[in-house]
Protein backbone atom coordinates (compact mmCIF):
# COMPACT_ATOMS: atom_id res chain seq x y z
CA MET A 1 8.93 -4.01 11.44
CA ILE A 2 6.31 -2.57 13.76
CA ASN A 3 8.64 0.21 14.92
CA SER A 4 9.42 1.17 11.31
CA TYR A 5 5.72 1.36 10.51
CA ILE A 6 4.95 3.40 13.61
CA SER A 7 7.85 5.76 12.83
CA TRP A 8 6.61 6.37 9.27
CA HIS A 9 3.17 7.34 10.57
CA SER A 10 3.94 9.19 13.76
CA LYS A 11 7.53 10.42 13.96
CA ARG A 12 9.44 13.40 12.65
CA PRO A 13 11.47 12.87 9.45
CA GLU A 14 14.76 12.62 11.34
CA GLU A 15 13.22 9.77 13.36
CA GLY A 16 12.08 7.81 10.30
CA GLY A 17 8.79 9.62 9.70
CA ARG A 18 7.51 10.95 6.44
CA THR A 19 8.83 14.26 5.19
CA ILE A 20 5.79 15.37 3.15
CA PRO A 21 2.30 15.46 4.67
CA GLN A 22 -0.17 13.00 3.14
CA GLY A 23 -2.02 14.39 0.15
CA HIS A 24 0.55 17.12 -0.60
CA PHE A 25 2.68 17.34 -3.73
CA GLY A 26 5.37 14.66 -3.53
CA SER A 27 3.67 12.66 -0.77
CA GLY A 28 2.40 9.98 -3.12
CA GLU A 29 5.79 9.21 -4.54
CA GLU A 30 7.25 9.30 -1.03
CA PHE A 31 4.59 6.81 0.11
CA LEU A 32 5.26 4.44 -2.80
CA ASN A 33 9.02 4.58 -2.24
CA TRP A 34 8.57 3.99 1.49
CA ASN A 35 6.25 1.06 0.74
CA ARG A 36 8.77 -0.48 -1.68
CA GLN A 37 11.52 -0.22 0.94
CA PHE A 38 9.24 -1.57 3.66
CA ILE A 39 8.31 -4.62 1.56
CA ALA A 40 12.02 -5.21 0.81
CA LYS A 41 12.80 -4.97 4.54
CA TYR A 42 10.01 -7.46 5.27
CA LYS A 43 11.41 -9.91 2.70
CA ARG A 44 14.89 -9.63 4.26
CA TRP A 45 13.38 -10.20 7.72
CA CYS A 46 11.52 -13.32 6.51
CA LYS A 47 14.69 -14.69 4.97
CA GLN A 48 16.79 -13.91 8.05
CA TYR A 49 14.37 -15.68 10.40
CA ASP A 50 13.40 -18.43 7.95
CA LYS A 51 9.76 -17.31 7.95
CA PRO A 52 7.42 -17.74 4.99
CA PHE A 53 6.82 -14.61 2.95
CA VAL A 54 3.14 -13.62 2.65
CA LEU A 55 2.40 -13.28 -1.05
CA PRO A 56 0.67 -10.11 -2.24
CA TRP A 57 -2.81 -10.13 -3.63
CA TYR A 58 -2.82 -10.02 -7.42
CA LYS A 59 -6.11 -8.12 -7.31
CA VAL A 60 -8.51 -6.78 -4.70
CA PRO A 61 -10.54 -9.69 -3.30
CA PRO A 62 -14.21 -9.58 -4.34
CA GLU A 63 -15.44 -9.23 -0.76
CA LEU A 64 -13.47 -5.97 -0.45
CA MET A 65 -14.53 -4.42 -3.74
CA GLN A 66 -17.58 -2.81 -2.13
CA ILE A 67 -15.46 -0.66 0.16
CA THR A 68 -12.85 0.45 -2.38
CA ASP A 69 -14.71 3.46 -3.74
CA GLY A 70 -13.51 4.40 -7.18
CA ILE A 71 -11.07 1.55 -7.68
CA ASN A 72 -13.19 0.04 -10.45
CA THR A 73 -13.89 3.28 -12.26
CA LEU A 74 -10.35 4.55 -12.71
CA LYS A 75 -9.31 5.92 -16.05
CA PRO A 76 -5.73 5.30 -17.16
CA LYS A 77 -5.00 8.99 -17.64
CA SER A 78 -6.04 9.66 -14.06
CA PHE A 79 -2.47 9.01 -13.00
CA GLY A 80 -0.17 11.07 -15.12
CA THR A 81 2.56 10.88 -12.48
CA LEU A 82 3.80 8.39 -9.95
CA ASP A 83 2.95 10.97 -7.29
CA ASP A 84 -0.70 11.05 -8.41
CA LEU A 85 -0.83 7.26 -8.23
CA GLY A 86 0.74 7.23 -4.78
CA ILE A 87 -1.59 9.89 -3.38
CA PHE A 88 -4.58 7.86 -4.56
CA LEU A 89 -3.22 4.53 -3.31
CA GLU A 90 -2.33 5.90 0.12
CA LYS A 91 -5.89 7.16 0.55
CA TRP A 92 -7.22 3.89 -0.84
CA ALA A 93 -5.02 1.89 1.58
CA ARG A 94 -6.72 3.58 4.54
CA MET A 95 -10.12 2.47 3.24
CA LEU A 96 -8.77 -1.02 2.70
CA HIS A 97 -7.32 -1.19 6.22
CA ASP A 98 -10.71 -0.31 7.68
CA GLY A 99 -12.70 -2.57 5.37
CA ALA A 100 -10.43 -5.58 5.77
CA ALA A 101 -10.45 -5.14 9.55
CA LYS A 102 -14.23 -5.44 9.50
CA ILE A 103 -14.70 -8.09 6.80
CA TYR A 104 -11.94 -10.40 8.03
CA ASN A 105 -12.48 -9.65 11.74
CA GLU A 106 -8.90 -8.43 12.00
CA PRO A 107 -9.06 -5.32 14.25
CA VAL A 108 -5.26 -4.94 14.34
CA LEU A 109 -5.51 -3.60 10.77
CA LYS A 110 -6.96 -0.38 12.19
CA THR A 111 -3.93 0.20 14.42
CA LEU A 112 -0.29 1.13 14.01
CA GLU A 113 0.48 -2.54 14.61
CA SER A 114 -1.26 -3.59 11.40
CA PRO A 115 1.89 -5.26 10.00
CA ARG A 116 1.13 -8.07 12.47
CA SER A 117 -1.63 -9.15 10.08
CA SER A 118 -0.93 -11.19 6.94
CA TYR A 119 -3.63 -9.09 5.22
CA PHE A 120 -1.39 -6.06 5.65
CA TRP A 121 1.38 -7.69 3.60
CA GLN A 122 -1.08 -8.80 0.94
CA MET A 123 -2.43 -5.25 0.57
CA TYR A 124 0.93 -3.51 0.57
CA GLY A 125 2.40 -6.11 -1.73
CA LEU A 126 -0.40 -5.31 -4.18
CA ILE A 127 0.37 -1.60 -3.88
CA ASN A 128 4.01 -2.37 -4.67
CA THR A 129 2.94 -4.45 -7.68
CA TRP A 130 0.84 -1.55 -9.00
CA ARG A 131 3.78 0.82 -8.50
CA LYS A 132 6.04 -1.47 -10.52
CA SER A 133 3.39 -1.82 -13.21
CA TRP A 134 2.95 1.95 -13.50
CA LEU A 135 6.70 2.45 -13.80
CA ARG A 136 6.99 -0.30 -16.38
CA ASN A 137 4.04 0.77 -18.47
CA LYS A 138 3.49 4.44 -17.60
CA PRO A 139 0.24 5.31 -17.17
CA ASN A 140 -1.79 3.73 -19.96
CA THR A 141 -1.92 0.16 -18.66
CA PHE A 142 -2.49 0.78 -14.94
CA ASN A 143 -6.24 0.49 -15.40
CA GLN A 144 -6.10 -3.15 -16.49
CA TYR A 145 -4.53 -4.12 -13.17
CA VAL A 146 -7.10 -2.25 -11.12
CA MET A 147 -10.09 -3.70 -12.95
CA LEU A 148 -9.17 -7.37 -12.57
């Protein structure tokens, strides 16, 4: 799992890295698709090794709301495409990594080995939930999940 995460962030596309630079057109959808596949891989790994699966957050914990700039003021039409949503959530995930590392005293969240933390799986599970919600409801109901 760690190697897959490191590859996504630091390798060339042919070595498992991203193909579109973060923040560019298409990068958000690429991030959300990668995240979905990574969560699925994690679930398969847990099953294979009879490990408990860390459940995703169903909303951002209150103690982290202070560091998630903009997450409470989103407007549903802000995300007309899955790519727009993904670009925002990838940027937001970086803030959440840093904030959770500090608030929960979990410094590994600021490294490429962050999947070693259960908080990582809770965050990325939430991102996957929001992706599914956007796809199911396109874009008019996304806001209700963010503002919980």
